[in-house]
């Protein structure tokens, strides 16, 4: 039984709360690399995505995340890695704030 590959819009994958499948991107050498989506949120009108590699990537620690920007052009969208260290840190800091706020919203206060 063969299964046809249908190209899926990355937005359909990112915005689907029930999707647990890895996100497959290509590295600079054209190799497929699988990622787990950690978060998707806007900052200053731009959507950012935090992804964790499923398999080890040389030069990265096991718990490191990569920051991507969702780039929309016409009827398509793609992910672009954020290479500006200051911007990546800003996005990650915002993510930590969101996680902290979510914990407080869920009754994270200790008695």
N, C-alpha and C. Protein backbone atom coordinates (compact mmCIF):
# COMPACT_ATOMS: atom_id res chain seq x y z
N UNK A 1 0.85 -1.17 0.00
CA UNK A 1 0.00 0.00 0.00
C UNK A 1 0.89 1.23 0.00
N UNK A 2 0.70 2.13 -0.95
CA UNK A 2 1.53 3.32 -1.02
C UNK A 2 0.74 4.52 -0.53
N UNK A 3 1.48 5.45 0.05
CA UNK A 3 0.85 6.65 0.57
C UNK A 3 1.41 7.84 -0.20
N UNK A 4 0.53 8.66 -0.75
CA UNK A 4 0.99 9.82 -1.50
C UNK A 4 1.40 10.92 -0.55
N UNK A 5 2.50 11.59 -0.90
CA UNK A 5 2.95 12.71 -0.10
C UNK A 5 2.21 13.96 -0.56
N UNK A 6 1.56 14.61 0.35
CA UNK A 6 0.85 15.84 0.03
C UNK A 6 1.53 16.96 0.80
N UNK A 7 1.97 17.99 0.08
CA UNK A 7 2.64 19.09 0.75
C UNK A 7 1.64 19.83 1.63
N UNK A 8 2.01 20.01 2.88
CA UNK A 8 1.15 20.65 3.86
C UNK A 8 1.69 22.03 4.17
N UNK A 9 0.81 22.98 4.31
CA UNK A 9 1.20 24.33 4.69
C UNK A 9 1.72 24.28 6.12
N UNK A 10 2.87 24.85 6.37
CA UNK A 10 3.49 24.81 7.70
C UNK A 10 2.57 25.43 8.74
N UNK A 11 1.74 26.39 8.34
CA UNK A 11 0.79 26.99 9.29
C UNK A 11 -0.21 25.97 9.80
N UNK A 12 -0.63 25.04 8.93
CA UNK A 12 -1.58 24.01 9.35
C UNK A 12 -0.97 23.13 10.44
N UNK A 13 0.31 22.88 10.34
CA UNK A 13 1.00 22.05 11.33
C UNK A 13 1.20 22.84 12.63
N UNK A 14 1.70 24.06 12.51
CA UNK A 14 2.02 24.86 13.69
C UNK A 14 0.81 25.24 14.51
N UNK A 15 -0.30 25.56 13.85
CA UNK A 15 -1.49 26.02 14.55
C UNK A 15 -2.42 24.89 15.00
N UNK A 16 -2.10 23.66 14.69
CA UNK A 16 -2.94 22.52 15.07
C UNK A 16 -2.58 22.06 16.48
N UNK A 17 -3.44 22.33 17.47
CA UNK A 17 -3.11 21.96 18.85
C UNK A 17 -3.06 20.45 19.07
N UNK A 18 -3.64 19.68 18.16
CA UNK A 18 -3.64 18.22 18.29
C UNK A 18 -2.48 17.55 17.58
N UNK A 19 -1.67 18.34 16.89
CA UNK A 19 -0.56 17.76 16.13
C UNK A 19 0.61 17.45 17.05
N UNK A 20 1.00 16.19 17.10
CA UNK A 20 2.17 15.76 17.87
C UNK A 20 3.27 15.22 16.97
N UNK A 21 3.05 15.30 15.67
CA UNK A 21 4.04 14.81 14.72
C UNK A 21 5.23 15.76 14.68
N UNK A 22 6.42 15.23 14.43
CA UNK A 22 7.58 16.11 14.32
C UNK A 22 7.48 16.99 13.08
N UNK A 23 8.10 18.15 13.17
CA UNK A 23 8.20 19.06 12.04
C UNK A 23 9.50 18.75 11.35
N UNK A 24 9.45 18.52 10.04
CA UNK A 24 10.65 18.15 9.29
C UNK A 24 11.09 19.35 8.45
N UNK A 25 12.32 19.79 8.70
CA UNK A 25 12.93 20.88 7.95
C UNK A 25 14.21 20.37 7.33
N UNK A 26 14.70 21.10 6.34
CA UNK A 26 15.97 20.71 5.72
C UNK A 26 17.08 21.63 6.21
N UNK A 27 18.24 21.02 6.48
CA UNK A 27 19.40 21.81 6.87
C UNK A 27 20.08 22.37 5.61
N UNK A 28 21.20 23.07 5.81
CA UNK A 28 21.89 23.71 4.68
C UNK A 28 22.43 22.71 3.67
N UNK A 29 22.56 21.45 4.07
CA UNK A 29 23.05 20.41 3.16
C UNK A 29 21.92 19.63 2.50
N UNK A 30 20.67 20.02 2.79
CA UNK A 30 19.53 19.34 2.20
C UNK A 30 19.08 18.10 2.95
N UNK A 31 19.64 17.87 4.14
CA UNK A 31 19.25 16.72 4.95
C UNK A 31 18.00 17.06 5.77
N UNK A 32 17.10 16.10 5.91
CA UNK A 32 15.92 16.31 6.73
C UNK A 32 16.28 16.25 8.20
N UNK A 33 15.77 17.21 8.96
CA UNK A 33 15.99 17.27 10.40
C UNK A 33 14.62 17.38 11.05
N UNK A 34 14.37 16.52 12.04
CA UNK A 34 13.07 16.52 12.72
C UNK A 34 13.13 17.35 14.00
N UNK A 35 12.04 18.10 14.23
CA UNK A 35 11.94 18.97 15.40
C UNK A 35 10.61 18.73 16.11
N UNK A 36 10.62 19.00 17.40
CA UNK A 36 9.42 19.01 18.22
C UNK A 36 9.04 20.47 18.45
N UNK A 37 7.78 20.80 18.21
CA UNK A 37 7.32 22.16 18.44
C UNK A 37 7.13 22.39 19.93
N UNK A 38 7.75 23.43 20.45
CA UNK A 38 7.66 23.78 21.86
C UNK A 38 6.67 24.92 22.07
N UNK A 39 6.75 25.94 21.22
CA UNK A 39 5.86 27.10 21.39
C UNK A 39 5.74 27.87 20.09
N UNK A 40 4.63 28.58 19.97
CA UNK A 40 4.36 29.49 18.85
C UNK A 40 3.65 30.70 19.46
N UNK A 41 4.21 31.89 19.27
CA UNK A 41 3.60 33.09 19.85
C UNK A 41 4.09 34.32 19.11
N UNK A 42 3.28 35.40 19.16
CA UNK A 42 3.66 36.64 18.48
C UNK A 42 4.46 37.58 19.38
N UNK A 43 5.35 38.31 18.74
CA UNK A 43 6.05 39.41 19.40
C UNK A 43 6.11 40.54 18.37
N UNK A 44 5.56 41.68 18.73
CA UNK A 44 5.58 42.85 17.85
C UNK A 44 5.06 42.53 16.44
N UNK A 45 3.98 41.74 16.36
CA UNK A 45 3.35 41.45 15.07
C UNK A 45 4.01 40.36 14.26
N UNK A 46 5.03 39.72 14.79
CA UNK A 46 5.71 38.63 14.09
C UNK A 46 5.53 37.35 14.90
N UNK A 47 5.22 36.25 14.21
CA UNK A 47 5.06 34.95 14.87
C UNK A 47 6.43 34.28 14.98
N UNK A 48 6.75 33.81 16.19
CA UNK A 48 8.00 33.08 16.43
C UNK A 48 7.68 31.67 16.89
N UNK A 49 8.54 30.74 16.52
CA UNK A 49 8.36 29.34 16.85
C UNK A 49 9.62 28.84 17.54
N UNK A 50 9.44 28.16 18.67
CA UNK A 50 10.55 27.51 19.35
C UNK A 50 10.48 26.03 19.03
N UNK A 51 11.57 25.49 18.49
CA UNK A 51 11.64 24.09 18.13
C UNK A 51 12.82 23.43 18.81
N UNK A 52 12.62 22.16 19.20
CA UNK A 52 13.69 21.36 19.79
C UNK A 52 14.01 20.23 18.82
N UNK A 53 15.29 20.05 18.47
CA UNK A 53 15.65 18.94 17.59
C UNK A 53 15.30 17.60 18.23
N UNK A 54 14.73 16.70 17.44
CA UNK A 54 14.41 15.35 17.92
C UNK A 54 15.70 14.55 18.06
N UNK A 55 16.57 14.66 17.08
CA UNK A 55 17.87 13.98 17.10
C UNK A 55 18.96 15.00 17.40
N UNK A 56 20.07 14.51 17.92
CA UNK A 56 21.19 15.39 18.27
C UNK A 56 21.70 16.13 17.03
N UNK A 57 21.94 17.43 17.20
CA UNK A 57 22.57 18.24 16.16
C UNK A 57 23.94 18.64 16.69
N UNK A 58 24.95 18.39 15.89
CA UNK A 58 26.32 18.69 16.30
C UNK A 58 26.45 20.15 16.69
N UNK A 59 27.06 20.38 17.84
CA UNK A 59 27.28 21.74 18.33
C UNK A 59 26.15 22.27 19.21
N UNK A 60 25.10 21.48 19.39
CA UNK A 60 23.98 21.90 20.24
C UNK A 60 23.91 21.03 21.47
N UNK A 61 23.54 21.65 22.59
CA UNK A 61 23.28 20.89 23.80
C UNK A 61 21.94 20.19 23.65
N UNK A 62 21.74 19.12 24.41
CA UNK A 62 20.53 18.31 24.30
C UNK A 62 19.25 19.10 24.61
N UNK A 63 19.32 20.07 25.53
CA UNK A 63 18.13 20.81 25.94
C UNK A 63 17.98 22.17 25.25
N UNK A 64 18.81 22.46 24.25
CA UNK A 64 18.73 23.74 23.55
C UNK A 64 17.56 23.78 22.59
N UNK A 65 17.03 24.98 22.42
CA UNK A 65 15.95 25.22 21.48
C UNK A 65 16.44 26.14 20.38
N UNK A 66 15.82 26.02 19.21
CA UNK A 66 16.10 26.93 18.11
C UNK A 66 14.91 27.85 17.93
N UNK A 67 15.19 29.11 17.59
CA UNK A 67 14.14 30.10 17.39
C UNK A 67 13.99 30.34 15.89
N UNK A 68 12.73 30.24 15.43
CA UNK A 68 12.40 30.48 14.03
C UNK A 68 11.36 31.58 13.94
N UNK A 69 11.37 32.27 12.81
CA UNK A 69 10.38 33.29 12.50
C UNK A 69 9.47 32.70 11.42
N UNK A 70 8.16 32.87 11.58
CA UNK A 70 7.22 32.44 10.56
C UNK A 70 7.13 33.54 9.52
N UNK A 71 7.54 33.22 8.30
CA UNK A 71 7.55 34.19 7.21
C UNK A 71 6.42 33.84 6.24
N UNK A 72 5.53 34.80 6.05
CA UNK A 72 4.40 34.57 5.15
C UNK A 72 4.58 35.40 3.89
N UNK A 73 4.48 34.71 2.75
CA UNK A 73 4.59 35.37 1.45
C UNK A 73 3.47 34.87 0.56
N UNK A 74 2.66 35.79 0.07
CA UNK A 74 1.52 35.46 -0.77
C UNK A 74 0.66 34.39 -0.10
N UNK A 75 0.55 33.22 -0.72
CA UNK A 75 -0.30 32.15 -0.18
C UNK A 75 0.51 31.07 0.52
N UNK A 76 1.78 31.32 0.82
CA UNK A 76 2.59 30.29 1.45
C UNK A 76 3.30 30.85 2.69
N UNK A 77 3.84 29.94 3.45
CA UNK A 77 4.58 30.34 4.65
C UNK A 77 5.78 29.42 4.81
N UNK A 78 6.81 29.93 5.46
CA UNK A 78 8.00 29.12 5.72
C UNK A 78 8.59 29.55 7.06
N UNK A 79 9.51 28.74 7.55
CA UNK A 79 10.20 29.05 8.79
C UNK A 79 11.61 29.50 8.46
N UNK A 80 12.03 30.57 9.08
CA UNK A 80 13.37 31.13 8.89
C UNK A 80 14.05 31.17 10.25
N UNK A 81 15.21 30.56 10.35
CA UNK A 81 15.91 30.53 11.63
C UNK A 81 16.37 31.94 12.01
N UNK A 82 16.24 32.27 13.28
CA UNK A 82 16.67 33.56 13.78
C UNK A 82 18.15 33.43 14.14
N UNK A 83 18.99 34.18 13.43
CA UNK A 83 20.43 34.10 13.67
C UNK A 83 20.93 35.26 14.54
N UNK A 84 20.12 36.28 14.71
CA UNK A 84 20.49 37.41 15.57
C UNK A 84 20.36 36.96 17.02
N UNK A 85 21.47 36.86 17.71
CA UNK A 85 21.49 36.35 19.08
C UNK A 85 20.61 37.17 20.02
N UNK A 86 20.65 38.50 19.87
CA UNK A 86 19.84 39.36 20.74
C UNK A 86 18.35 39.12 20.53
N UNK A 87 17.93 38.98 19.28
CA UNK A 87 16.53 38.71 18.99
C UNK A 87 16.13 37.33 19.51
N UNK A 88 16.99 36.34 19.32
CA UNK A 88 16.70 34.99 19.82
C UNK A 88 16.53 35.01 21.34
N UNK A 89 17.38 35.74 22.03
CA UNK A 89 17.27 35.84 23.49
C UNK A 89 15.99 36.56 23.90
N UNK A 90 15.61 37.60 23.16
CA UNK A 90 14.37 38.32 23.43
C UNK A 90 13.17 37.38 23.29
N UNK A 91 13.16 36.58 22.23
CA UNK A 91 12.07 35.63 22.00
C UNK A 91 12.03 34.60 23.12
N UNK A 92 13.19 34.07 23.48
CA UNK A 92 13.24 33.06 24.54
C UNK A 92 12.80 33.65 25.89
N UNK A 93 13.21 34.89 26.19
CA UNK A 93 12.79 35.54 27.43
C UNK A 93 11.27 35.72 27.45
N UNK A 94 10.70 36.08 26.31
CA UNK A 94 9.24 36.23 26.23
C UNK A 94 8.55 34.89 26.45
N UNK A 95 9.14 33.84 25.91
CA UNK A 95 8.61 32.48 26.12
C UNK A 95 8.60 32.14 27.60
N UNK A 96 9.69 32.43 28.30
CA UNK A 96 9.76 32.14 29.73
C UNK A 96 8.69 32.91 30.51
N UNK A 97 8.43 34.17 30.11
CA UNK A 97 7.38 34.96 30.76
C UNK A 97 6.02 34.31 30.53
N UNK A 98 5.76 33.85 29.32
CA UNK A 98 4.48 33.21 29.00
C UNK A 98 4.30 31.93 29.81
N UNK A 99 5.37 31.14 29.94
CA UNK A 99 5.30 29.91 30.72
C UNK A 99 5.00 30.24 32.18
N UNK A 100 5.65 31.26 32.71
CA UNK A 100 5.43 31.66 34.09
C UNK A 100 4.00 32.13 34.30
N UNK A 101 3.48 32.95 33.37
CA UNK A 101 2.10 33.43 33.47
C UNK A 101 1.11 32.28 33.39
N UNK A 102 1.38 31.32 32.52
CA UNK A 102 0.50 30.17 32.37
C UNK A 102 0.46 29.36 33.67
N UNK A 103 1.59 29.21 34.31
CA UNK A 103 1.65 28.50 35.58
C UNK A 103 0.85 29.20 36.66
N UNK A 104 0.87 30.52 36.66
CA UNK A 104 0.10 31.29 37.63
C UNK A 104 -1.40 31.18 37.34
N UNK A 105 -1.77 31.17 36.05
CA UNK A 105 -3.17 31.05 35.66
C UNK A 105 -3.76 29.71 36.04
N UNK A 106 -2.91 28.68 36.11
CA UNK A 106 -3.38 27.34 36.44
C UNK A 106 -3.33 27.04 37.93
N UNK A 107 -3.26 28.11 38.72
CA UNK A 107 -3.26 27.92 40.17
C UNK A 107 -1.92 27.46 40.68
N UNK A 108 -0.85 27.98 40.09
CA UNK A 108 0.49 27.57 40.47
C UNK A 108 0.94 28.14 41.79
N UNK A 109 0.07 28.86 42.48
CA UNK A 109 0.47 29.42 43.77
C UNK A 109 0.55 28.34 44.83
N UNK A 110 1.57 28.45 45.68
CA UNK A 110 1.73 27.49 46.76
C UNK A 110 0.98 27.96 47.99
N UNK A 111 0.42 27.02 48.73
CA UNK A 111 -0.30 27.38 49.96
C UNK A 111 0.53 27.06 51.16
